[in-house]
């Protein structure tokens, strides 16, 4: 489309285009090489569920084997994509090469995500195994099931949900010889309608605060995680703990990149209200 454009111009056009894109319409970055020549890139997203809602974001994975991931896309995911494209467009539109405003440059595009400051509450999922092999095997089974957990949470009224992009190894003082990795899911609940919220017992009328009941979604996740095929071989040697934290209670080691985690006992914040994995 722009064969002679500079890199700055191409980046500018990219964010300009995707800031305005209709995410319900398919976007094909390159042709799909179907072995028999009959594979439909977008498939029929309603094939398995004729009552499926209009797709939020039509996605086909770009690597072979191609997979139509449309059904796994959440409104939270679409909102995140739209927000990041808008942030990118604002950054490039204000770049000195595009305007006289020199207060914002391209380096803002590479700034790390403020995930651990963006939400009011967080779910901390601790995957633990007697050794690194067991922990890694269980984590590989359970992490893909987080998609269903976030989907169930996102269906709640006035909820915004976003999983983190990495796990965090840390030392659990209650099991110092075990391998433990934490994964976080950000939660934000707006007040919305009071009938959608549970009120904590013992609060006076003037002190009532909305409470969202996430137990069903969490227990469902525990149930599907418990179906790990290798679980029977590692009885008593694997564990899953889930805790709810507010932003101020996040452990300090999750605020640094995974490669910089100290993993020391001093940095450990042991959850007291964990749900045991049975």
C-alpha atoms as a PDB file:
ATOM      1  CA  UNK A   1       0.000   0.000   0.000  1.00  0.00           C
ATOM      2  CA  UNK A   2       2.878   2.364   0.793  1.00  0.00           C
ATOM      3  CA  UNK A   3       5.978   0.968  -1.026  1.00  0.00           C
ATOM      4  CA  UNK A   4       8.065   4.117  -0.666  1.00  0.00           C
ATOM      5  CA  UNK A   5       6.969   5.167   2.795  1.00  0.00           C
ATOM      6  CA  UNK A   6       9.441   5.601   5.644  1.00  0.00           C
ATOM      7  CA  UNK A   7       9.314   3.431   8.769  1.00  0.00           C
ATOM      8  CA  UNK A   8       7.802   6.305  10.716  1.00  0.00           C
ATOM      9  CA  UNK A   9       5.097   6.695   8.083  1.00  0.00           C
ATOM     10  CA  UNK A  10       4.285   2.972   8.088  1.00  0.00           C
ATOM     11  CA  UNK A  11       3.981   2.850  11.866  1.00  0.00           C
ATOM     12  CA  UNK A  12       1.783   5.921  11.740  1.00  0.00           C
ATOM     13  CA  UNK A  13      -0.531   4.359   9.152  1.00  0.00           C
ATOM     14  CA  UNK A  14      -0.685   1.082  11.091  1.00  0.00           C
ATOM     15  CA  UNK A  15      -1.976   2.660  14.283  1.00  0.00           C
ATOM     16  CA  UNK A  16      -4.230   5.050  12.357  1.00  0.00           C
ATOM     17  CA  UNK A  17      -5.884   2.116  10.589  1.00  0.00           C
ATOM     18  CA  UNK A  18      -6.280  -0.163  13.601  1.00  0.00           C
ATOM     19  CA  UNK A  19      -7.490   2.628  15.837  1.00  0.00           C
ATOM     20  CA  UNK A  20     -10.564   2.770  13.602  1.00  0.00           C
ATOM     21  CA  UNK A  21     -10.931  -0.891  12.617  1.00  0.00           C
ATOM     22  CA  UNK A  22     -14.159  -2.851  13.099  1.00  0.00           C
ATOM     23  CA  UNK A  23     -12.896  -5.792  15.152  1.00  0.00           C
ATOM     24  CA  UNK A  24     -15.925  -7.926  14.279  1.00  0.00           C
ATOM     25  CA  UNK A  25     -14.682  -8.062  10.680  1.00  0.00           C
ATOM     26  CA  UNK A  26     -11.920 -10.542   9.749  1.00  0.00           C
ATOM     27  CA  UNK A  27      -8.417  -9.323   8.982  1.00  0.00           C
ATOM     28  CA  UNK A  28      -6.087 -11.605   7.005  1.00  0.00           C
ATOM     29  CA  UNK A  29      -2.401 -10.671   7.196  1.00  0.00           C
ATOM     30  CA  UNK A  30      -1.367 -13.232   4.604  1.00  0.00           C
ATOM     31  CA  UNK A  31      -2.869 -16.083   2.626  1.00  0.00           C
ATOM     32  CA  UNK A  32      -3.697 -19.383   4.301  1.00  0.00           C
ATOM     33  CA  UNK A  33      -2.000 -22.386   2.710  1.00  0.00           C
ATOM     34  CA  UNK A  34      -4.672 -25.087   2.987  1.00  0.00           C
ATOM     35  CA  UNK A  35      -3.290 -28.537   2.021  1.00  0.00           C
ATOM     36  CA  UNK A  36      -6.382 -29.504   0.049  1.00  0.00           C
ATOM     37  CA  UNK A  37      -7.222 -25.973  -1.034  1.00  0.00           C
ATOM     38  CA  UNK A  38     -10.689 -26.161   0.497  1.00  0.00           C
ATOM     39  CA  UNK A  39     -10.111 -24.909   4.039  1.00  0.00           C
ATOM     40  CA  UNK A  40     -12.060 -21.762   4.827  1.00  0.00           C
ATOM     41  CA  UNK A  41      -9.853 -19.341   6.778  1.00  0.00           C
ATOM     42  CA  UNK A  42     -12.664 -18.046   8.957  1.00  0.00           C
ATOM     43  CA  UNK A  43     -14.635 -21.279   9.118  1.00  0.00           C
ATOM     44  CA  UNK A  44     -18.127 -21.261  10.513  1.00  0.00           C
ATOM     45  CA  UNK A  45     -17.922 -19.895  14.040  1.00  0.00           C
ATOM     46  CA  UNK A  46     -21.522 -20.986  14.595  1.00  0.00           C
ATOM     47  CA  UNK A  47     -20.872 -24.572  13.506  1.00  0.00           C
ATOM     48  CA  UNK A  48     -20.787 -25.940  17.072  1.00  0.00           C
ATOM     49  CA  UNK A  49     -23.300 -23.526  18.531  1.00  0.00           C
ATOM     50  CA  UNK A  50     -26.072 -22.224  16.333  1.00  0.00           C
ATOM     51  CA  UNK A  51     -27.124 -19.847  19.111  1.00  0.00           C
ATOM     52  CA  UNK A  52     -23.663 -18.283  19.403  1.00  0.00           C
ATOM     53  CA  UNK A  53     -23.632 -14.527  19.689  1.00  0.00           C
ATOM     54  CA  UNK A  54     -22.140 -12.216  17.097  1.00  0.00           C
ATOM     55  CA  UNK A  55     -18.344 -12.617  17.269  1.00  0.00           C
ATOM     56  CA  UNK A  56     -16.501 -10.022  19.322  1.00  0.00           C
ATOM     57  CA  UNK A  57     -13.247 -10.281  17.412  1.00  0.00           C
ATOM     58  CA  UNK A  58     -12.592 -12.618  14.468  1.00  0.00           C
ATOM     59  CA  UNK A  59      -9.154 -14.213  14.822  1.00  0.00           C
ATOM     60  CA  UNK A  60      -7.267 -16.965  13.014  1.00  0.00           C
ATOM     61  CA  UNK A  61      -3.844 -17.878  14.408  1.00  0.00           C
ATOM     62  CA  UNK A  62      -1.120 -17.137  11.816  1.00  0.00           C
ATOM     63  CA  UNK A  63       0.997 -20.267  12.413  1.00  0.00           C
ATOM     64  CA  UNK A  64       0.330 -23.760  11.096  1.00  0.00           C
ATOM     65  CA  UNK A  65      -1.903 -25.502  11.992  1.00  0.00           C
ATOM     66  CA  UNK A  66      -4.252 -22.557  11.545  1.00  0.00           C
ATOM     67  CA  UNK A  67      -6.895 -22.302  14.232  1.00  0.00           C
ATOM     68  CA  UNK A  68     -10.003 -20.159  14.350  1.00  0.00           C
ATOM     69  CA  UNK A  69      -9.757 -18.645  17.836  1.00  0.00           C
ATOM     70  CA  UNK A  70     -12.823 -16.445  17.487  1.00  0.00           C
ATOM     71  CA  UNK A  71     -14.830 -18.327  20.111  1.00  0.00           C
ATOM     72  CA  UNK A  72     -12.071 -17.723  22.683  1.00  0.00           C
ATOM     73  CA  UNK A  73     -12.081 -13.946  22.254  1.00  0.00           C
ATOM     74  CA  UNK A  74     -13.638 -11.945  25.081  1.00  0.00           C
ATOM     75  CA  UNK A  75     -14.996  -8.431  25.226  1.00  0.00           C
ATOM     76  CA  UNK A  76     -12.183  -7.715  27.671  1.00  0.00           C
ATOM     77  CA  UNK A  77      -9.653  -8.788  25.024  1.00  0.00           C
ATOM     78  CA  UNK A  78     -11.240  -6.618  22.356  1.00  0.00           C
ATOM     79  CA  UNK A  79     -11.294  -3.649  24.721  1.00  0.00           C
ATOM     80  CA  UNK A  80      -7.606  -4.177  25.513  1.00  0.00           C
ATOM     81  CA  UNK A  81      -6.685  -4.307  21.817  1.00  0.00           C
ATOM     82  CA  UNK A  82      -8.659  -1.154  21.104  1.00  0.00           C
ATOM     83  CA  UNK A  83      -7.087   0.686  24.040  1.00  0.00           C
ATOM     84  CA  UNK A  84      -3.545  -0.233  23.007  1.00  0.00           C
ATOM     85  CA  UNK A  85      -4.174   0.770  19.383  1.00  0.00           C
ATOM     86  CA  UNK A  86      -5.518   4.103  20.553  1.00  0.00           C
ATOM     87  CA  UNK A  87      -2.470   4.575  22.803  1.00  0.00           C
ATOM     88  CA  UNK A  88      -0.196   3.776  19.861  1.00  0.00           C
ATOM     89  CA  UNK A  89      -1.991   6.201  17.567  1.00  0.00           C
ATOM     90  CA  UNK A  90      -1.762   9.000  20.115  1.00  0.00           C
ATOM     91  CA  UNK A  91       1.973   8.332  20.525  1.00  0.00           C
ATOM     92  CA  UNK A  92       2.828   8.360  16.814  1.00  0.00           C
ATOM     93  CA  UNK A  93       0.516  11.256  16.045  1.00  0.00           C
ATOM     94  CA  UNK A  94       2.435  13.367  18.554  1.00  0.00           C
ATOM     95  CA  UNK A  95       5.865  12.253  17.375  1.00  0.00           C
ATOM     96  CA  UNK A  96       8.134  15.131  16.220  1.00  0.00           C
ATOM     97  CA  UNK A  97       8.202  13.623  12.735  1.00  0.00           C
ATOM     98  CA  UNK A  98       4.419  13.980  12.548  1.00  0.00           C
ATOM     99  CA  UNK A  99       3.834  17.218  14.397  1.00  0.00           C
ATOM    100  CA  UNK A 100       5.531  20.029  16.236  1.00  0.00           C
ATOM    101  CA  UNK A 101       4.788  18.432  19.601  1.00  0.00           C
ATOM    102  CA  UNK A 102       8.020  17.068  21.043  1.00  0.00           C
ATOM    103  CA  UNK A 103       6.646  15.987  24.415  1.00  0.00           C
ATOM    104  CA  UNK A 104       5.887  12.387  23.357  1.00  0.00           C
ATOM    105  CA  UNK A 105       8.113  10.161  21.240  1.00  0.00           C
ATOM    106  CA  UNK A 106       8.084   6.635  19.830  1.00  0.00           C
ATOM    107  CA  UNK A 107       9.745   5.193  22.931  1.00  0.00           C
ATOM    108  CA  UNK A 108       6.378   5.401  24.689  1.00  0.00           C
ATOM    109  CA  UNK A 109       5.202   2.554  22.431  1.00  0.00           C
ATOM    110  CA  UNK A 110       7.608   0.181  24.182  1.00  0.00           C
ATOM    111  CA  UNK A 111       6.785   1.162  27.731  1.00  0.00           C
ATOM    112  CA  UNK A 112       5.953  -1.869  29.919  1.00  0.00           C
ATOM    113  CA  UNK A 113       2.330  -2.552  30.736  1.00  0.00           C
ATOM    114  CA  UNK A 114       1.137  -1.148  34.055  1.00  0.00           C
ATOM    115  CA  UNK A 115      -0.869  -4.324  34.680  1.00  0.00           C
ATOM    116  CA  UNK A 116      -0.142  -4.435  38.412  1.00  0.00           C
ATOM    117  CA  UNK A 117      -1.378  -0.887  38.923  1.00  0.00           C
ATOM    118  CA  UNK A 118      -4.311  -0.933  36.540  1.00  0.00           C
ATOM    119  CA  UNK A 119      -6.803  -2.952  38.579  1.00  0.00           C
ATOM    120  CA  UNK A 120      -8.392  -2.682  41.994  1.00  0.00           C
ATOM    121  CA  UNK A 121      -8.258  -6.399  42.785  1.00  0.00           C
ATOM    122  CA  UNK A 122      -6.309  -9.444  41.635  1.00  0.00           C
ATOM    123  CA  UNK A 123      -6.675 -13.205  41.694  1.00  0.00           C
ATOM    124  CA  UNK A 124      -3.391 -14.903  42.512  1.00  0.00           C
ATOM    125  CA  UNK A 125      -3.174 -18.470  41.200  1.00  0.00           C
ATOM    126  CA  UNK A 126      -0.284 -20.408  42.745  1.00  0.00           C
ATOM    127  CA  UNK A 127       0.759 -23.540  40.857  1.00  0.00           C
ATOM    128  CA  UNK A 128       3.010 -25.723  43.013  1.00  0.00           C
ATOM    129  CA  UNK A 129       4.769 -29.032  42.541  1.00  0.00           C
ATOM    130  CA  UNK A 130       7.215 -31.112  44.543  1.00  0.00           C
ATOM    131  CA  UNK A 131       9.774 -30.428  41.828  1.00  0.00           C
ATOM    132  CA  UNK A 132      10.037 -28.265  38.725  1.00  0.00           C
ATOM    133  CA  UNK A 133       8.955 -31.061  36.358  1.00  0.00           C
ATOM    134  CA  UNK A 134       5.702 -31.694  38.230  1.00  0.00           C
ATOM    135  CA  UNK A 135       4.981 -27.971  38.585  1.00  0.00           C
ATOM    136  CA  UNK A 136       5.609 -27.320  34.889  1.00  0.00           C
ATOM    137  CA  UNK A 137       3.410 -30.250  33.828  1.00  0.00           C
ATOM    138  CA  UNK A 138       0.504 -29.102  35.977  1.00  0.00           C
ATOM    139  CA  UNK A 139       0.943 -25.461  34.955  1.00  0.00           C
ATOM    140  CA  UNK A 140       0.822 -26.389  31.254  1.00  0.00           C
ATOM    141  CA  UNK A 141      -2.490 -28.130  31.881  1.00  0.00           C
ATOM    142  CA  UNK A 142      -4.082 -25.474  34.080  1.00  0.00           C
ATOM    143  CA  UNK A 143      -3.018 -22.206  32.404  1.00  0.00           C
ATOM    144  CA  UNK A 144      -5.048 -22.741  29.198  1.00  0.00           C
ATOM    145  CA  UNK A 145      -8.114 -23.186  31.462  1.00  0.00           C
ATOM    146  CA  UNK A 146      -7.643 -19.627  32.731  1.00  0.00           C
ATOM    147  CA  UNK A 147      -9.366 -18.513  29.511  1.00  0.00           C
ATOM    148  CA  UNK A 148     -12.616 -20.039  30.749  1.00  0.00           C
ATOM    149  CA  UNK A 149     -12.113 -18.488  34.193  1.00  0.00           C
ATOM    150  CA  UNK A 150     -11.666 -15.012  32.704  1.00  0.00           C
ATOM    151  CA  UNK A 151     -14.654 -15.605  30.419  1.00  0.00           C
ATOM    152  CA  UNK A 152     -16.868 -16.526  33.378  1.00  0.00           C
ATOM    153  CA  UNK A 153     -15.674 -13.514  35.362  1.00  0.00           C
ATOM    154  CA  UNK A 154     -16.120 -11.178  32.397  1.00  0.00           C
ATOM    155  CA  UNK A 155     -19.758 -12.277  32.108  1.00  0.00           C
ATOM    156  CA  UNK A 156     -20.500 -10.785  35.518  1.00  0.00           C
ATOM    157  CA  UNK A 157     -22.237  -7.420  35.550  1.00  0.00           C
ATOM    158  CA  UNK A 158     -19.929  -4.388  35.537  1.00  0.00           C
ATOM    159  CA  UNK A 159     -16.768  -6.525  35.519  1.00  0.00           C
ATOM    160  CA  UNK A 160     -13.489  -5.921  33.692  1.00  0.00           C
ATOM    161  CA  UNK A 161     -11.020  -8.791  33.649  1.00  0.00           C
ATOM    162  CA  UNK A 162      -7.507  -9.184  32.268  1.00  0.00           C
ATOM    163  CA  UNK A 163      -4.998 -12.008  32.837  1.00  0.00           C
ATOM    164  CA  UNK A 164      -1.299 -11.222  33.112  1.00  0.00           C
ATOM    165  CA  UNK A 165       1.151 -12.241  30.397  1.00  0.00           C
ATOM    166  CA  UNK A 166       3.603 -14.177  32.560  1.00  0.00           C
ATOM    167  CA  UNK A 167       4.011 -16.375  35.598  1.00  0.00           C
ATOM    168  CA  UNK A 168       6.215 -15.464  38.569  1.00  0.00           C
ATOM    169  CA  UNK A 169       8.355 -18.079  40.338  1.00  0.00           C
ATOM    170  CA  UNK A 170       8.693 -17.497  44.066  1.00  0.00           C
ATOM    171  CA  UNK A 171       9.658 -19.395  47.223  1.00  0.00           C
ATOM    172  CA  UNK A 172       6.762 -20.532  49.378  1.00  0.00           C
ATOM    173  CA  UNK A 173       7.876 -20.569  53.017  1.00  0.00           C
ATOM    174  CA  UNK A 174       5.368 -23.301  53.864  1.00  0.00           C
ATOM    175  CA  UNK A 175       6.986 -25.558  51.208  1.00  0.00           C
ATOM    176  CA  UNK A 176      10.496 -24.197  50.620  1.00  0.00           C
ATOM    177  CA  UNK A 177      11.673 -27.237  48.663  1.00  0.00           C
ATOM    178  CA  UNK A 178       8.733 -27.101  46.211  1.00  0.00           C
ATOM    179  CA  UNK A 179       8.619 -25.218  42.924  1.00  0.00           C
ATOM    180  CA  UNK A 180       5.880 -22.571  42.970  1.00  0.00           C
ATOM    181  CA  UNK A 181       4.798 -20.121  40.275  1.00  0.00           C
ATOM    182  CA  UNK A 182       2.149 -17.420  40.590  1.00  0.00           C
ATOM    183  CA  UNK A 183      -0.174 -16.152  37.863  1.00  0.00           C
ATOM    184  CA  UNK A 184      -2.370 -13.087  38.286  1.00  0.00           C
ATOM    185  CA  UNK A 185      -5.754 -12.038  36.889  1.00  0.00           C
ATOM    186  CA  UNK A 186      -6.724  -8.378  37.221  1.00  0.00           C
ATOM    187  CA  UNK A 187     -10.283  -7.563  38.332  1.00  0.00           C
ATOM    188  CA  UNK A 188     -12.196  -4.319  38.329  1.00  0.00           C
ATOM    189  CA  UNK A 189     -15.839  -4.069  39.364  1.00  0.00           C
ATOM    190  CA  UNK A 190     -17.799  -0.873  38.937  1.00  0.00           C
ATOM    191  CA  UNK A 191     -20.625  -0.174  41.362  1.00  0.00           C
ATOM    192  CA  UNK A 192     -23.376  -0.531  38.754  1.00  0.00           C
ATOM    193  CA  UNK A 193     -26.755  -1.544  40.080  1.00  0.00           C
ATOM    194  CA  UNK A 194     -26.846  -2.294  43.769  1.00  0.00           C
ATOM    195  CA  UNK A 195     -28.963  -5.383  43.161  1.00  0.00           C
ATOM    196  CA  UNK A 196     -26.007  -6.874  41.277  1.00  0.00           C
ATOM    197  CA  UNK A 197     -23.816  -6.566  44.342  1.00  0.00           C
ATOM    198  CA  UNK A 198     -23.720  -8.440  47.599  1.00  0.00           C
ATOM    199  CA  UNK A 199     -23.411  -6.371  50.773  1.00  0.00           C
ATOM    200  CA  UNK A 200     -21.017  -7.552  53.449  1.00  0.00           C
ATOM    201  CA  UNK A 201     -22.749  -8.513  56.650  1.00  0.00           C
ATOM    202  CA  UNK A 202     -22.316  -6.229  59.625  1.00  0.00           C
ATOM    203  CA  UNK A 203     -22.061  -3.002  57.619  1.00  0.00           C
ATOM    204  CA  UNK A 204     -24.413  -0.184  58.355  1.00  0.00           C
ATOM    205  CA  UNK A 205     -26.590   1.312  55.637  1.00  0.00           C
ATOM    206  CA  UNK A 206     -24.225   4.262  55.235  1.00  0.00           C
ATOM    207  CA  UNK A 207     -21.201   1.923  54.946  1.00  0.00           C
ATOM    208  CA  UNK A 208     -22.581  -0.591  52.485  1.00  0.00           C
ATOM    209  CA  UNK A 209     -20.118  -1.587  49.807  1.00  0.00           C
ATOM    210  CA  UNK A 210     -20.832  -3.734  46.732  1.00  0.00           C
ATOM    211  CA  UNK A 211     -19.443  -7.260  46.831  1.00  0.00           C
ATOM    212  CA  UNK A 212     -19.197  -9.414  43.704  1.00  0.00           C
ATOM    213  CA  UNK A 213     -19.492 -13.160  44.273  1.00  0.00           C
ATOM    214  CA  UNK A 214     -16.823 -14.868  42.164  1.00  0.00           C
ATOM    215  CA  UNK A 215     -16.896 -18.199  43.981  1.00  0.00           C
ATOM    216  CA  UNK A 216     -18.729 -20.121  41.253  1.00  0.00           C
ATOM    217  CA  UNK A 217     -16.218 -19.084  38.594  1.00  0.00           C
ATOM    218  CA  UNK A 218     -13.258 -19.916  40.832  1.00  0.00           C
ATOM    219  CA  UNK A 219     -14.635 -23.286  41.917  1.00  0.00           C
ATOM    220  CA  UNK A 220     -15.345 -24.159  38.284  1.00  0.00           C
ATOM    221  CA  UNK A 221     -11.722 -23.400  37.430  1.00  0.00           C
ATOM    222  CA  UNK A 222     -10.524 -25.588  40.311  1.00  0.00           C
ATOM    223  CA  UNK A 223     -12.740 -28.400  39.046  1.00  0.00           C
ATOM    224  CA  UNK A 224     -11.396 -28.326  35.490  1.00  0.00           C
ATOM    225  CA  UNK A 225      -7.823 -27.977  36.757  1.00  0.00           C
ATOM    226  CA  UNK A 226      -8.385 -31.016  38.993  1.00  0.00           C
ATOM    227  CA  UNK A 227      -9.025 -33.056  35.851  1.00  0.00           C
ATOM    228  CA  UNK A 228      -5.288 -33.031  35.040  1.00  0.00           C
ATOM    229  CA  UNK A 229      -4.693 -36.486  33.535  1.00  0.00           C
ATOM    230  CA  UNK A 230      -1.441 -36.999  35.463  1.00  0.00           C
ATOM    231  CA  UNK A 231      -2.821 -35.935  38.821  1.00  0.00           C
ATOM    232  CA  UNK A 232      -3.280 -39.511  40.056  1.00  0.00           C
ATOM    233  CA  UNK A 233       0.462 -40.127  39.616  1.00  0.00           C
ATOM    234  CA  UNK A 234       1.381 -37.184  41.845  1.00  0.00           C
ATOM    235  CA  UNK A 235      -1.038 -37.396  44.774  1.00  0.00           C
ATOM    236  CA  UNK A 236       0.114 -35.038  47.518  1.00  0.00           C
ATOM    237  CA  UNK A 237       2.870 -33.677  45.295  1.00  0.00           C
ATOM    238  CA  UNK A 238       0.956 -30.958  43.439  1.00  0.00           C
ATOM    239  CA  UNK A 239      -1.171 -28.067  44.652  1.00  0.00           C
ATOM    240  CA  UNK A 240      -3.201 -25.095  43.472  1.00  0.00           C
ATOM    241  CA  UNK A 241      -3.973 -22.139  45.718  1.00  0.00           C
ATOM    242  CA  UNK A 242      -6.138 -19.175  44.757  1.00  0.00           C
ATOM    243  CA  UNK A 243      -6.226 -15.921  46.684  1.00  0.00           C
ATOM    244  CA  UNK A 244      -7.941 -12.570  46.222  1.00  0.00           C
ATOM    245  CA  UNK A 245      -5.706  -9.534  46.758  1.00  0.00           C
ATOM    246  CA  UNK A 246      -6.235  -5.824  46.501  1.00  0.00           C
ATOM    247  CA  UNK A 247      -3.668  -3.697  44.683  1.00  0.00           C
ATOM    248  CA  UNK A 248      -1.904  -2.616  47.873  1.00  0.00           C
ATOM    249  CA  UNK A 249      -1.451  -6.245  48.969  1.00  0.00           C
ATOM    250  CA  UNK A 250       0.376  -7.447  45.848  1.00  0.00           C
ATOM    251  CA  UNK A 251       3.725  -9.097  46.612  1.00  0.00           C
ATOM    252  CA  UNK A 252       6.649  -6.855  45.639  1.00  0.00           C
ATOM    253  CA  UNK A 253       8.288  -9.478  43.450  1.00  0.00           C
ATOM    254  CA  UNK A 254       5.441  -9.386  40.916  1.00  0.00           C
ATOM    255  CA  UNK A 255       6.140  -5.727  40.128  1.00  0.00           C
ATOM    256  CA  UNK A 256       9.479  -6.557  38.478  1.00  0.00           C
ATOM    257  CA  UNK A 257      10.002  -8.505  35.223  1.00  0.00           C
ATOM    258  CA  UNK A 258      10.105 -12.277  35.699  1.00  0.00           C
ATOM    259  CA  UNK A 259      13.862 -12.344  34.966  1.00  0.00           C
ATOM    260  CA  UNK A 260      14.470  -9.982  37.903  1.00  0.00           C
ATOM    261  CA  UNK A 261      12.512 -11.804  40.612  1.00  0.00           C
ATOM    262  CA  UNK A 262      14.604 -12.113  43.758  1.00  0.00           C
ATOM    263  CA  UNK A 263      12.595 -15.093  45.011  1.00  0.00           C
ATOM    264  CA  UNK A 264      13.719 -14.545  48.587  1.00  0.00           C
ATOM    265  CA  UNK A 265      11.838 -15.286  51.761  1.00  0.00           C
ATOM    266  CA  UNK A 266      11.762 -11.603  52.612  1.00  0.00           C
ATOM    267  CA  UNK A 267       9.748 -10.899  49.472  1.00  0.00           C
ATOM    268  CA  UNK A 268       7.251 -13.666  50.082  1.00  0.00           C
ATOM    269  CA  UNK A 269       3.656 -12.722  50.743  1.00  0.00           C
ATOM    270  CA  UNK A 270       1.946 -15.932  51.780  1.00  0.00           C
ATOM    271  CA  UNK A 271      -1.814 -15.925  51.113  1.00  0.00           C
ATOM    272  CA  UNK A 272      -3.782 -16.832  54.225  1.00  0.00           C
ATOM    273  CA  UNK A 273      -7.077 -17.489  52.472  1.00  0.00           C
ATOM    274  CA  UNK A 274      -5.941 -19.989  49.858  1.00  0.00           C
ATOM    275  CA  UNK A 275      -8.322 -22.580  48.410  1.00  0.00           C
ATOM    276  CA  UNK A 276      -6.584 -26.002  48.605  1.00  0.00           C
ATOM    277  CA  UNK A 277      -6.355 -28.204  45.515  1.00  0.00           C
ATOM    278  CA  UNK A 278      -7.982 -31.563  46.194  1.00  0.00           C
END
